[in-house]
């Protein structure tokens, strides 16, 4: 997939805690580069995807701050 410029992030917002979210660098279409992630980040990404609708909302693509 290649390395993405980190201008965007894929953000998983908590359904229960407004201040909690997980965010991952992505391209403008929300594609993350799994090969460029650390093992911990990759595990967090898979976790967030697994619990969509139970712990986190559907992810959104945002301009990274």
C-alpha atoms as a PDB file:
ATOM      1  CA  UNK A   1       0.000   0.000   0.000  1.00  0.00           C
ATOM      2  CA  UNK A   2       2.847   2.382   0.651  1.00  0.00           C
ATOM      3  CA  UNK A   3       3.360   5.047   3.236  1.00  0.00           C
ATOM      4  CA  UNK A   4       0.677   7.707   3.501  1.00  0.00           C
ATOM      5  CA  UNK A   5       1.270  11.313   4.308  1.00  0.00           C
ATOM      6  CA  UNK A   6      -0.207  11.743   7.750  1.00  0.00           C
ATOM      7  CA  UNK A   7      -2.620  14.494   6.799  1.00  0.00           C
ATOM      8  CA  UNK A   8      -5.648  12.383   7.695  1.00  0.00           C
ATOM      9  CA  UNK A   9      -6.670  10.158  10.552  1.00  0.00           C
ATOM     10  CA  UNK A  10      -9.242   7.415  10.881  1.00  0.00           C
ATOM     11  CA  UNK A  11     -10.953   8.166  14.186  1.00  0.00           C
ATOM     12  CA  UNK A  12     -13.008   5.732  16.247  1.00  0.00           C
ATOM     13  CA  UNK A  13     -15.005   7.729  18.823  1.00  0.00           C
ATOM     14  CA  UNK A  14     -16.130   6.023  22.028  1.00  0.00           C
ATOM     15  CA  UNK A  15     -19.889   5.546  22.336  1.00  0.00           C
ATOM     16  CA  UNK A  16     -19.771   5.998  26.108  1.00  0.00           C
ATOM     17  CA  UNK A  17     -16.945   8.419  26.884  1.00  0.00           C
ATOM     18  CA  UNK A  18     -16.821  11.603  24.805  1.00  0.00           C
ATOM     19  CA  UNK A  19     -13.156  12.135  25.646  1.00  0.00           C
ATOM     20  CA  UNK A  20     -12.052   8.680  24.493  1.00  0.00           C
ATOM     21  CA  UNK A  21     -11.166   7.806  20.926  1.00  0.00           C
ATOM     22  CA  UNK A  22      -8.630   5.854  18.914  1.00  0.00           C
ATOM     23  CA  UNK A  23      -7.115   7.475  15.819  1.00  0.00           C
ATOM     24  CA  UNK A  24      -4.804   6.075  13.162  1.00  0.00           C
ATOM     25  CA  UNK A  25      -2.952   7.739  10.258  1.00  0.00           C
ATOM     26  CA  UNK A  26      -4.713   7.094   6.958  1.00  0.00           C
ATOM     27  CA  UNK A  27      -5.214   8.424   3.447  1.00  0.00           C
ATOM     28  CA  UNK A  28      -8.149  10.593   2.382  1.00  0.00           C
ATOM     29  CA  UNK A  29     -10.252   7.451   1.836  1.00  0.00           C
ATOM     30  CA  UNK A  30      -9.672   6.033   5.328  1.00  0.00           C
ATOM     31  CA  UNK A  31      -7.172   3.363   4.297  1.00  0.00           C
ATOM     32  CA  UNK A  32      -4.524   2.692   6.928  1.00  0.00           C
ATOM     33  CA  UNK A  33      -1.061   1.315   6.208  1.00  0.00           C
ATOM     34  CA  UNK A  34      -0.978  -1.719   8.513  1.00  0.00           C
ATOM     35  CA  UNK A  35       2.626  -2.494   7.597  1.00  0.00           C
ATOM     36  CA  UNK A  36       3.758   0.911   8.877  1.00  0.00           C
ATOM     37  CA  UNK A  37       2.003   0.520  12.249  1.00  0.00           C
ATOM     38  CA  UNK A  38       3.611  -0.766  15.407  1.00  0.00           C
ATOM     39  CA  UNK A  39       2.250  -4.048  16.734  1.00  0.00           C
ATOM     40  CA  UNK A  40       0.448  -2.195  19.532  1.00  0.00           C
ATOM     41  CA  UNK A  41      -1.194   0.278  17.110  1.00  0.00           C
ATOM     42  CA  UNK A  42      -2.225  -2.587  14.810  1.00  0.00           C
ATOM     43  CA  UNK A  43      -3.805  -4.447  17.754  1.00  0.00           C
ATOM     44  CA  UNK A  44      -5.673  -1.293  18.811  1.00  0.00           C
ATOM     45  CA  UNK A  45      -6.889  -0.797  15.235  1.00  0.00           C
ATOM     46  CA  UNK A  46      -8.191  -4.366  15.016  1.00  0.00           C
ATOM     47  CA  UNK A  47      -9.820  -4.021  18.434  1.00  0.00           C
ATOM     48  CA  UNK A  48     -11.586  -0.777  17.467  1.00  0.00           C
ATOM     49  CA  UNK A  49     -12.903  -2.360  14.275  1.00  0.00           C
ATOM     50  CA  UNK A  50     -14.138  -5.408  16.168  1.00  0.00           C
ATOM     51  CA  UNK A  51     -16.189  -3.434  18.701  1.00  0.00           C
ATOM     52  CA  UNK A  52     -17.856  -0.925  16.343  1.00  0.00           C
ATOM     53  CA  UNK A  53     -21.401  -0.467  17.594  1.00  0.00           C
ATOM     54  CA  UNK A  54     -20.590  -1.843  21.041  1.00  0.00           C
ATOM     55  CA  UNK A  55     -17.705   0.357  22.244  1.00  0.00           C
ATOM     56  CA  UNK A  56     -16.856   2.677  19.331  1.00  0.00           C
ATOM     57  CA  UNK A  57     -18.890   4.467  16.683  1.00  0.00           C
ATOM     58  CA  UNK A  58     -18.293   3.938  12.982  1.00  0.00           C
ATOM     59  CA  UNK A  59     -14.942   5.542  12.186  1.00  0.00           C
ATOM     60  CA  UNK A  60     -14.669   8.873  10.428  1.00  0.00           C
ATOM     61  CA  UNK A  61     -11.869  10.303   8.323  1.00  0.00           C
ATOM     62  CA  UNK A  62     -10.643  13.641   9.628  1.00  0.00           C
ATOM     63  CA  UNK A  63      -7.861  16.031   8.834  1.00  0.00           C
ATOM     64  CA  UNK A  64      -5.111  15.286  11.353  1.00  0.00           C
ATOM     65  CA  UNK A  65      -4.328  18.068  13.774  1.00  0.00           C
END
